[in-house]
Amino acid sequence: MKVAIIGAGFVGTPTAVVLAERGHEVSVIEADEERARALREQRPLLYEDGLEEALVDIHLGIGLGAKGSLDVYLRGDPVAVDALAAADVTIVCVGTPTDGGHQNDTALVGAVEDWRNAIGDHAPDQRAIVIKSTVLPGTCRRLLEGLRDKWGADWSDLYHSPEFLAEGTALADARDPSRVVIGAPTCGSLTAVHLVQAAMAPFNRQHLTTLENAETTKYASNCLLAARLSALNDLARVCASVGADAVAVARLAGEDPRIGSQYLSPGGGWGGSCFPKDVQALVSMAVDRGISVPSLSGAIVSNEEAKNWAISQFWDTMSRPPLIDASVKVAVLGLTFKPGTNDTRESPPMEFVWSMVRSTCDLDNMEIVLYDPTGTPPEEEALVSYADGLGVKVRCADVHEAVEGAHVLVLGTAWEEVAGADLRWVASVMEDPRVVLDTRRMWSPYAAGLYGLDYRGFGLGRAS
C-alpha cells in the first residue's frame, strides 16, 4: 500500500518507520528543510531509542526494514504533490500547539489543503485521509465538512486515529500499540475503512468508533494521567511535612488493584509537549462551553505547585550554612522532561534551572553546570546569555565534569545513567556538604546516606 505521512516530528517519524517495516511504500512530507534533510540522511533530529538504526535498516533494506520503503520530500516540491496524489492513505501528523490555551490548527488545515489540492477537483476513489494529530473534539467533523464542500455531501473518507506514543518509547509503542482507535464518519465507505485498518495494524487491538469519541479519548487519556500525577505530587508534599516517604506510601497504596502501581512515582512536576498542552486545551474548551472542570484545572495548579515546591527546597538549602556564605557549584543532571527523549519543551528540570538563574537571590557566588545524555539543550545559548547578563555562570559539561567538585547535586531527569550512578564515586568527587536534591526519587535515601551524601528527595520527610 502507498502511504503518505505529512509531518516528520515525534509522531510522524516513528509512524512512518513502522509502516515501512510492515511493507508499505511510505512517503514522508515535511515542511522544515533541515528536518527533512536529516531524516533523508537517516539522522533524525529527534532522539528516540532505536529510531536511527531503524531508518538505516529501511534504507539498506535489511532486518525489519527489508519489506517496505521510506522516502522523504519537502512540502511543496512537485514530487511531494505527486506522492500525496498517489497515496492510498494519507496520515496527517503535524503539530497542533496551543495559543492562549486554545488549539492552533494552522498547520493541520494547511496539511489537509495540501492533500485536497493534490487530489484535484474530483472526489478520490478508495483513498482516505487520517488525522493523527491531537485535535479537540469537533475538529475532524469541521475538516470533513470542508472537504464535502469540494467533493459533495456523500464524501466521507476522513478518519481520526489518535496517537498514543510516549516520548522515549515512541518507536516501541508504534510497533506494539496498546490500542488503535479509529474514528470514522457514520457513513464512511467500507473500502476506505479497510484501507485505514490495514495501515494501522495489528487488527486485534483496533477499536472503530465515531470521530468525536476518538478525538476525546486522546484528551481523556492525557488528562487522567496528568491528574493522577498531580494528585500523587500533592500527597508527596503532605508526606514530606509529616515525616513520611511518598515513594513507600505510593507503593503501598498501589497494592490496591483499583489503584495499581503504574504512574505512581512522585516528582517535581510533569511537562513535555503533550500533557501541559492537552490539559490546558481541554480546560479552555470546557470553559468556553460553560463547563466547570475543577479536577483538571486543579491538576494544572497542582503541577505548578510541585515545580515551585522543588525549587523552594533548593533555595531553603542554599539559604542555610555552610552554603549561604560559600562559593557553590551546583550540578543539574538531566534536563529533558523525561528519559529517552531530547525534548525539553516545558521540562521541569529546565524550568528549575531558569528559576535558579532568574531568582532575585544573590547568585554571584554560584556556578551552575548542566548535563544531559542527549547533549546540549536548545535553550543553552539563550540561557547562558541571560545568565551572563546577571553575572551568573552557567555552562554545560559531561557528567564527570559536572559532578566533580559540586557542592549541590540536583537530579532532574530519571535517565538510567543518572538513576544507576555509582554513589560511592559521586560522594568521593563531590565537595562538602555533598547535598543531593532528588526531584525524581531515583536514589535510595539509605544508600546515599551510607556514602555520606546529604540526600533530600521529593516527598521524603526528614524524619523518615
Protein backbone atom coordinates (compact mmCIF):
# COMPACT_ATOMS: atom_id res chain seq x y z
CA MET A 1 0.00 0.00 0.00
CA LYS A 2 1.15 3.56 -0.69
CA VAL A 3 1.05 5.71 2.45
CA ALA A 4 1.86 9.41 2.72
CA ILE A 5 2.81 10.91 6.09
CA ILE A 6 2.54 14.69 6.49
CA GLY A 7 4.82 15.84 9.30
CA ALA A 8 8.10 14.25 10.43
CA GLY A 9 8.03 15.03 14.13
CA PHE A 10 7.72 12.90 17.26
CA VAL A 11 4.60 11.20 15.84
CA GLY A 12 5.13 11.16 12.10
CA THR A 13 8.65 9.72 12.09
CA PRO A 14 8.01 6.61 14.26
CA THR A 15 4.72 6.05 12.44
CA ALA A 16 6.47 6.19 9.06
CA VAL A 17 9.19 3.81 10.20
CA VAL A 18 6.77 1.17 11.46
CA LEU A 19 4.57 1.34 8.35
CA ALA A 20 7.68 0.90 6.17
CA GLU A 21 8.73 -2.06 8.32
CA ARG A 22 5.33 -3.62 7.64
CA GLY A 23 5.91 -3.50 3.91
CA HIS A 24 4.22 -0.27 2.85
CA GLU A 25 5.62 2.30 0.42
CA VAL A 26 5.87 5.34 2.68
CA SER A 27 6.39 8.95 1.58
CA VAL A 28 7.10 11.46 4.33
CA ILE A 29 6.36 15.10 3.56
CA GLU A 30 7.95 17.68 5.86
CA ALA A 31 7.81 21.49 5.77
CA ASP A 32 11.10 22.05 7.61
CA GLU A 33 14.04 21.71 5.24
CA GLU A 34 16.60 20.84 7.94
CA ARG A 35 14.38 18.18 9.47
CA ALA A 36 13.60 16.68 6.05
CA ARG A 37 17.27 16.56 5.07
CA ALA A 38 18.29 14.97 8.37
CA LEU A 39 15.60 12.30 8.06
CA ARG A 40 16.58 11.61 4.45
CA GLU A 41 20.13 11.02 5.68
CA GLN A 42 18.94 8.67 8.46
CA ARG A 43 20.00 11.03 11.26
CA PRO A 44 16.72 12.31 12.72
CA LEU A 45 16.84 15.47 14.80
CA LEU A 46 14.62 13.92 17.45
CA TYR A 47 16.06 11.36 19.85
CA GLU A 48 14.19 8.06 20.23
CA ASP A 49 15.70 4.75 21.19
CA GLY A 50 16.35 2.63 18.08
CA LEU A 51 14.98 5.18 15.63
CA GLU A 52 18.18 5.99 13.76
CA GLU A 53 19.07 2.30 13.47
CA ALA A 54 15.60 1.52 12.10
CA LEU A 55 15.93 4.24 9.46
CA VAL A 56 19.29 2.83 8.38
CA ASP A 57 17.80 -0.68 8.12
CA ILE A 58 15.00 0.59 5.89
CA HIS A 59 17.49 2.50 3.75
CA LEU A 60 19.67 -0.61 3.35
CA GLY A 61 16.72 -2.98 3.04
CA ILE A 62 17.81 -5.23 5.90
CA GLY A 63 16.25 -6.55 9.10
CA LEU A 64 12.78 -5.23 9.83
CA GLY A 65 13.33 -2.63 7.12
CA ALA A 66 13.61 -5.19 4.32
CA LYS A 67 9.93 -5.19 3.32
CA GLY A 68 8.98 -1.60 2.61
CA SER A 69 10.42 1.76 1.62
CA LEU A 70 10.59 5.26 3.08
CA ASP A 71 11.17 8.40 1.02
CA VAL A 72 11.28 11.97 2.34
CA TYR A 73 10.11 15.02 0.41
CA LEU A 74 9.97 18.71 1.17
CA ARG A 75 6.49 20.21 1.31
CA GLY A 76 5.54 21.95 -1.91
CA ASP A 77 8.00 20.07 -4.12
CA PRO A 78 6.34 18.51 -7.20
CA VAL A 79 7.39 15.03 -6.05
CA ALA A 80 5.67 15.66 -2.70
CA VAL A 81 2.45 16.65 -4.50
CA ASP A 82 2.69 13.51 -6.65
CA ALA A 83 3.17 11.35 -3.54
CA LEU A 84 0.03 12.80 -1.96
CA ALA A 85 -1.96 12.25 -5.14
CA ALA A 86 -0.82 8.62 -5.41
CA ALA A 87 -1.24 7.60 -1.76
CA ASP A 88 -3.94 5.12 -0.81
CA VAL A 89 -3.89 6.53 2.73
CA THR A 90 -2.54 9.92 3.83
CA ILE A 91 -1.80 10.35 7.54
CA VAL A 92 -1.53 13.85 8.99
CA CYS A 93 0.93 14.13 11.89
CA VAL A 94 1.54 17.87 12.17
CA GLY A 95 1.67 19.80 15.43
CA THR A 96 -1.38 21.44 16.99
CA PRO A 97 0.11 23.79 19.58
CA THR A 98 -1.97 25.84 21.98
CA ASP A 99 -2.18 29.59 21.58
CA GLY A 100 -3.51 31.30 24.69
CA GLY A 101 -4.86 27.95 25.85
CA HIS A 102 -6.66 27.33 22.57
CA GLN A 103 -5.69 24.92 19.80
CA ASN A 104 -3.85 26.36 16.81
CA ASP A 105 -4.96 24.48 13.69
CA THR A 106 -2.88 26.39 11.15
CA ALA A 107 -0.53 23.52 10.27
CA LEU A 108 -3.37 20.99 10.35
CA VAL A 109 -5.58 22.94 7.98
CA GLY A 110 -2.59 23.54 5.70
CA ALA A 111 -1.84 19.81 5.55
CA VAL A 112 -5.42 18.92 4.66
CA GLU A 113 -5.46 21.62 1.98
CA ASP A 114 -2.21 20.22 0.53
CA TRP A 115 -3.85 16.80 0.24
CA ARG A 116 -7.07 18.21 -1.20
CA ASN A 117 -5.18 20.23 -3.82
CA ALA A 118 -3.05 17.23 -4.76
CA ILE A 119 -6.17 15.10 -5.30
CA GLY A 120 -7.84 17.69 -7.50
CA ASP A 121 -11.45 18.55 -8.28
CA HIS A 122 -12.81 15.01 -8.41
CA ALA A 123 -13.55 13.10 -5.21
CA PRO A 124 -10.90 10.44 -4.58
CA ASP A 125 -11.99 6.87 -5.14
CA GLN A 126 -10.94 4.37 -2.44
CA ARG A 127 -8.50 6.77 -0.83
CA ALA A 128 -8.59 8.11 2.68
CA ILE A 129 -7.05 10.79 4.86
CA VAL A 130 -6.35 10.05 8.52
CA ILE A 131 -5.83 12.81 11.08
CA LYS A 132 -3.33 11.52 13.64
CA SER A 133 -2.57 14.93 15.13
CA THR A 134 -4.12 15.59 18.52
CA VAL A 135 -7.24 17.67 17.86
CA LEU A 136 -10.10 18.90 20.02
CA PRO A 137 -13.49 17.24 19.63
CA GLY A 138 -15.32 18.60 16.61
CA THR A 139 -12.18 19.39 14.61
CA CYS A 140 -12.35 16.40 12.28
CA ARG A 141 -16.04 16.92 11.63
CA ARG A 142 -15.31 20.51 10.55
CA LEU A 143 -12.49 19.33 8.27
CA LEU A 144 -14.82 16.71 6.80
CA GLU A 145 -17.49 19.31 6.04
CA GLY A 146 -14.88 21.49 4.34
CA LEU A 147 -13.89 18.63 2.04
CA ARG A 148 -17.52 17.83 1.36
CA ASP A 149 -17.96 21.39 0.14
CA LYS A 150 -15.50 20.50 -2.62
CA TRP A 151 -16.39 16.87 -3.33
CA GLY A 152 -20.05 16.56 -2.37
CA ALA A 153 -22.07 15.70 0.71
CA ASP A 154 -21.60 11.94 0.25
CA TRP A 155 -17.80 12.01 0.56
CA SER A 156 -16.85 10.53 3.96
CA ASP A 157 -13.32 9.14 3.86
CA LEU A 158 -11.74 11.30 6.57
CA TYR A 159 -10.80 9.47 9.77
CA HIS A 160 -9.16 10.19 13.09
CA SER A 161 -6.69 7.77 14.66
CA PRO A 162 -5.14 9.47 17.71
CA GLU A 163 -1.57 8.66 18.63
CA PHE A 164 -0.72 7.12 21.98
CA LEU A 165 3.05 7.26 21.61
CA ALA A 166 5.03 8.13 24.72
CA GLU A 167 8.19 10.11 24.02
CA GLY A 168 11.18 7.96 24.87
CA THR A 169 9.39 4.76 23.84
CA ALA A 170 7.62 6.06 20.72
CA LEU A 171 9.11 3.55 18.29
CA ALA A 172 8.35 0.60 20.59
CA ASP A 173 4.83 1.95 21.15
CA ALA A 174 4.26 2.30 17.39
CA ARG A 175 5.48 -1.26 16.80
CA ASP A 176 3.33 -2.72 19.57
CA PRO A 177 0.47 -0.32 20.33
CA SER A 178 -1.73 -0.82 23.38
CA ARG A 179 -4.74 0.02 21.18
CA VAL A 180 -5.52 1.52 17.80
CA VAL A 181 -8.53 3.82 17.87
CA ILE A 182 -10.09 4.71 14.52
CA GLY A 183 -12.75 7.38 14.47
CA ALA A 184 -14.94 7.26 11.38
CA PRO A 185 -17.87 9.21 9.96
CA THR A 186 -21.05 7.21 10.39
CA CYS A 187 -21.33 6.84 6.60
CA GLY A 188 -17.64 6.17 5.83
CA SER A 189 -17.10 3.78 2.94
CA LEU A 190 -16.27 0.20 3.87
CA THR A 191 -13.37 0.09 1.42
CA ALA A 192 -11.70 3.14 2.90
CA VAL A 193 -12.18 1.82 6.43
CA HIS A 194 -10.36 -1.35 5.44
CA LEU A 195 -7.55 0.70 3.96
CA VAL A 196 -7.16 2.65 7.18
CA GLN A 197 -7.30 -0.50 9.30
CA ALA A 198 -4.68 -2.18 7.15
CA ALA A 199 -2.30 0.73 7.67
CA MET A 200 -2.99 0.87 11.42
CA ALA A 201 -2.45 -2.88 12.20
CA PRO A 202 -2.43 -5.02 14.36
CA PHE A 203 -6.10 -5.82 13.91
CA ASN A 204 -6.71 -7.46 17.29
CA ARG A 205 -6.30 -4.13 19.10
CA GLN A 206 -8.37 -1.95 16.79
CA HIS A 207 -11.39 -0.05 18.00
CA LEU A 208 -13.70 1.54 15.45
CA THR A 209 -15.74 4.41 16.85
CA THR A 210 -17.02 7.88 15.99
CA LEU A 211 -14.84 10.86 15.16
CA GLU A 212 -15.82 12.65 18.37
CA ASN A 213 -15.14 9.59 20.55
CA ALA A 214 -11.70 9.15 19.02
CA GLU A 215 -10.83 12.83 19.46
CA THR A 216 -11.97 12.90 23.09
CA THR A 217 -10.24 9.63 24.00
CA LYS A 218 -6.80 11.15 23.41
CA TYR A 219 -7.53 14.10 25.69
CA ALA A 220 -9.15 11.87 28.30
CA SER A 221 -6.06 9.67 28.43
CA ASN A 222 -3.65 12.55 28.93
CA CYS A 223 -5.90 14.40 31.37
CA LEU A 224 -6.42 11.33 33.55
CA LEU A 225 -2.70 10.60 33.64
CA ALA A 226 -1.83 14.21 34.42
CA ALA A 227 -4.45 14.38 37.17
CA ARG A 228 -3.10 11.16 38.69
CA LEU A 229 0.44 12.56 38.76
CA SER A 230 -0.75 15.84 40.24
CA ALA A 231 -2.66 14.06 43.00
CA LEU A 232 0.41 11.99 43.81
CA ASN A 233 2.63 15.07 43.95
CA ASP A 234 0.14 16.76 46.29
CA LEU A 235 0.33 13.71 48.55
CA ALA A 236 4.13 13.77 48.29
CA ARG A 237 4.26 17.26 49.77
CA VAL A 238 1.98 16.12 52.59
CA CYS A 239 4.25 13.12 53.18
CA ALA A 240 7.28 15.37 53.46
CA SER A 241 5.52 17.57 56.02
CA VAL A 242 4.67 14.65 58.35
CA GLY A 243 7.94 12.75 58.08
CA ALA A 244 6.63 10.07 55.69
CA ASP A 245 8.15 8.80 52.44
CA ALA A 246 5.95 9.37 49.38
CA VAL A 247 7.60 6.52 47.46
CA ALA A 248 6.79 4.00 50.19
CA VAL A 249 3.28 5.38 50.62
CA ALA A 250 2.60 5.24 46.86
CA ARG A 251 3.92 1.69 46.63
CA LEU A 252 1.67 0.52 49.46
CA ALA A 253 -1.36 2.38 48.09
CA GLY A 254 -0.71 0.86 44.67
CA GLU A 255 -1.18 -2.64 46.10
CA ASP A 256 -4.89 -1.88 45.85
CA PRO A 257 -5.83 -3.26 42.42
CA ARG A 258 -8.25 -0.35 41.94
CA ILE A 259 -5.24 2.00 42.08
CA GLY A 260 -2.42 -0.08 40.61
CA SER A 261 1.29 0.63 40.62
CA GLN A 262 1.82 2.49 37.34
CA TYR A 263 2.21 6.27 37.25
CA LEU A 264 2.82 6.39 40.99
CA SER A 265 6.26 8.00 41.03
CA PRO A 266 6.37 11.37 42.81
CA GLY A 267 8.43 14.12 41.23
CA GLY A 268 8.85 17.82 40.66
CA GLY A 269 6.04 18.23 38.15
CA TRP A 270 5.07 16.91 34.73
CA GLY A 271 5.91 18.53 31.39
CA GLY A 272 6.65 17.80 27.76
CA SER A 273 4.81 18.57 24.57
CA CYS A 274 1.56 16.72 25.38
CA PHE A 275 0.30 16.85 28.96
CA PRO A 276 0.51 20.64 29.54
CA LYS A 277 -0.85 21.45 26.07
CA ASP A 278 -3.67 18.91 26.08
CA VAL A 279 -4.90 19.50 29.62
CA GLN A 280 -4.94 23.28 29.11
CA ALA A 281 -6.68 22.94 25.72
CA LEU A 282 -9.43 20.72 27.13
CA VAL A 283 -9.93 23.01 30.12
CA SER A 284 -10.20 26.04 27.82
CA MET A 285 -12.68 24.25 25.58
CA ALA A 286 -14.78 23.25 28.60
CA VAL A 287 -14.78 26.81 29.93
CA ASP A 288 -15.83 28.12 26.52
CA ARG A 289 -18.79 25.73 26.72
CA GLY A 290 -19.70 26.85 30.22
CA ILE A 291 -18.49 23.62 31.85
CA SER A 292 -16.53 23.69 35.09
CA VAL A 293 -13.76 21.07 35.29
CA PRO A 294 -12.17 21.68 38.71
CA SER A 295 -10.24 18.40 38.78
CA LEU A 296 -8.47 19.26 35.53
CA SER A 297 -7.96 22.92 36.37
CA GLY A 298 -6.66 21.77 39.72
CA ALA A 299 -4.20 19.40 38.07
CA ILE A 300 -2.59 22.35 36.30
CA VAL A 301 -2.40 24.38 39.52
CA SER A 302 -1.07 21.37 41.42
CA ASN A 303 1.64 20.85 38.80
CA GLU A 304 2.87 24.39 39.24
CA GLU A 305 2.85 23.86 42.99
CA ALA A 306 5.01 20.75 42.60
CA LYS A 307 7.56 22.60 40.47
CA ASN A 308 7.59 25.57 42.82
CA TRP A 309 7.97 23.31 45.85
CA ALA A 310 11.01 21.62 44.32
CA ILE A 311 12.74 24.93 43.66
CA SER A 312 11.80 26.20 47.14
CA GLN A 313 13.56 23.18 48.64
CA PHE A 314 16.66 24.17 46.72
CA TRP A 315 16.60 27.75 47.98
CA ASP A 316 15.89 26.60 51.52
CA THR A 317 19.06 24.51 51.30
CA MET A 318 21.09 27.36 49.79
CA SER A 319 19.97 29.83 52.47
CA ARG A 320 21.49 27.83 55.32
CA PRO A 321 25.09 27.46 56.48
CA PRO A 322 27.52 26.40 55.17
CA LEU A 323 26.23 27.16 51.67
CA ILE A 324 24.85 30.65 52.25
CA ASP A 325 28.29 32.25 52.60
CA ALA A 326 30.28 29.95 50.32
CA SER A 327 31.19 29.78 46.64
CA VAL A 328 28.94 26.99 45.45
CA LYS A 329 28.97 24.71 42.42
CA VAL A 330 25.55 23.30 41.57
CA ALA A 331 25.31 20.43 39.09
CA VAL A 332 22.00 19.54 37.41
CA LEU A 333 21.83 16.02 35.96
CA GLY A 334 19.11 15.53 33.36
CA LEU A 335 17.36 18.36 31.51
CA THR A 336 14.69 16.70 29.35
CA PHE A 337 11.14 16.35 30.64
CA LYS A 338 11.56 12.55 30.80
CA PRO A 339 14.24 9.99 29.91
CA GLY A 340 14.55 8.57 26.40
CA THR A 341 13.93 11.83 24.54
CA ASN A 342 15.77 15.06 23.74
CA ASP A 343 12.58 17.08 24.20
CA THR A 344 12.96 19.94 26.70
CA ARG A 345 9.62 21.61 25.97
CA GLU A 346 8.01 22.59 29.29
CA SER A 347 10.61 20.44 31.02
CA PRO A 348 10.50 20.75 34.84
CA PRO A 349 14.32 20.44 35.11
CA MET A 350 14.81 23.27 32.62
CA GLU A 351 12.23 25.36 34.46
CA PHE A 352 14.17 24.58 37.64
CA VAL A 353 17.36 25.90 36.02
CA TRP A 354 15.66 29.04 34.73
CA SER A 355 14.21 29.62 38.20
CA MET A 356 17.67 29.40 39.72
CA VAL A 357 19.02 31.93 37.25
CA ARG A 358 16.06 34.31 37.48
CA SER A 359 15.96 34.30 41.27
CA THR A 360 16.37 37.61 43.00
CA CYS A 361 18.81 35.97 45.41
CA ASP A 362 22.47 36.93 45.20
CA LEU A 363 23.98 34.41 42.79
CA ASP A 364 27.43 35.93 42.46
CA ASN A 365 28.92 33.01 44.40
CA MET A 366 27.21 30.26 42.38
CA GLU A 367 28.25 28.28 39.32
CA ILE A 368 25.60 26.15 37.59
CA VAL A 369 26.79 23.20 35.48
CA LEU A 370 24.28 21.28 33.35
CA TYR A 371 24.41 17.75 31.97
CA ASP A 372 22.04 15.65 29.85
CA PRO A 373 22.83 12.41 27.98
CA THR A 374 21.29 13.80 24.77
CA GLY A 375 23.73 16.70 24.72
CA THR A 376 23.30 20.45 24.82
CA PRO A 377 19.67 21.64 25.15
CA PRO A 378 18.28 24.03 22.50
CA GLU A 379 17.88 26.68 25.20
CA GLU A 380 21.59 26.75 26.07
CA GLU A 381 22.51 29.88 24.10
CA ALA A 382 19.58 31.90 25.43
CA LEU A 383 20.09 30.60 28.96
CA VAL A 384 23.83 31.30 29.07
CA SER A 385 23.36 34.75 27.54
CA TYR A 386 20.64 35.64 30.04
CA ALA A 387 22.69 34.34 32.95
CA ASP A 388 25.77 36.28 31.79
CA GLY A 389 23.72 39.45 31.90
CA LEU A 390 23.03 38.77 35.56
CA GLY A 391 26.60 37.80 36.33
CA VAL A 392 25.67 34.13 36.81
CA LYS A 393 27.97 31.41 35.48
CA VAL A 394 26.08 28.70 33.58
CA ARG A 395 27.65 26.07 31.34
CA CYS A 396 27.10 22.56 30.01
CA ALA A 397 29.55 19.73 30.61
CA ASP A 398 29.85 15.94 30.62
CA VAL A 399 28.65 14.04 33.66
CA HIS A 400 32.09 13.67 35.24
CA GLU A 401 32.95 17.35 34.91
CA ALA A 402 29.52 18.30 36.23
CA VAL A 403 29.68 16.16 39.37
CA GLU A 404 33.33 16.64 40.27
CA GLY A 405 33.67 19.41 42.82
CA ALA A 406 29.94 20.03 43.08
CA HIS A 407 28.59 21.06 46.46
CA VAL A 408 24.96 20.52 45.44
CA LEU A 409 23.64 17.93 43.02
CA VAL A 410 20.15 18.29 41.52
CA LEU A 411 18.75 15.13 39.91
CA GLY A 412 16.40 16.36 37.22
CA THR A 413 15.57 13.50 34.82
CA ALA A 414 15.48 9.78 35.57
CA TRP A 415 17.96 8.75 32.89
CA GLU A 416 19.34 5.27 33.53
CA GLU A 417 22.90 6.53 33.90
CA VAL A 418 21.73 9.07 36.48
CA ALA A 419 19.43 6.71 38.37
CA GLY A 420 22.09 3.99 38.38
CA ALA A 421 25.06 6.21 39.20
CA ASP A 422 27.85 4.85 41.40
CA LEU A 423 27.07 6.62 44.67
CA ARG A 424 30.49 5.79 46.08
CA TRP A 425 32.10 7.67 43.18
CA VAL A 426 29.62 10.55 43.46
CA ALA A 427 30.39 11.01 47.15
CA SER A 428 34.14 10.78 46.54
CA VAL A 429 34.26 13.58 43.93
CA MET A 430 31.73 15.99 45.42
CA GLU A 431 32.70 18.68 47.89
CA ASP A 432 31.12 19.20 51.31
CA PRO A 433 28.32 19.47 52.26
CA ARG A 434 27.51 16.98 49.40
CA VAL A 435 23.81 17.86 49.17
CA VAL A 436 21.67 15.83 46.75
CA LEU A 437 18.23 17.15 45.76
CA ASP A 438 16.45 14.28 44.03
CA THR A 439 13.42 15.71 42.24
CA ARG A 440 12.55 12.30 40.72
CA ARG A 441 13.29 9.99 43.65
CA MET A 442 15.88 7.97 41.73
CA TRP A 443 18.28 7.14 44.54
CA SER A 444 17.84 5.21 47.75
CA PRO A 445 17.95 7.57 50.74
CA TYR A 446 19.56 4.80 52.78
CA ALA A 447 22.32 4.11 50.22
CA ALA A 448 23.01 7.80 49.74
CA GLY A 449 23.35 8.27 53.49
CA LEU A 450 25.78 5.37 53.77
CA TYR A 451 28.20 7.19 51.48
CA GLY A 452 27.91 10.47 53.36
CA LEU A 453 25.58 12.27 50.96
CA ASP A 454 23.05 14.71 52.42
CA TYR A 455 20.10 13.28 50.49
CA ARG A 456 16.86 15.23 50.12
CA GLY A 457 14.18 13.62 47.98
CA PHE A 458 10.90 14.96 46.65
CA GLY A 459 8.21 13.81 49.06
CA LEU A 460 10.67 12.48 51.63
CA GLY A 461 10.16 13.67 55.19
CA ARG A 462 13.40 14.36 57.02
CA ALA A 463 12.25 12.16 59.89
CA SER A 464 11.87 9.08 57.68
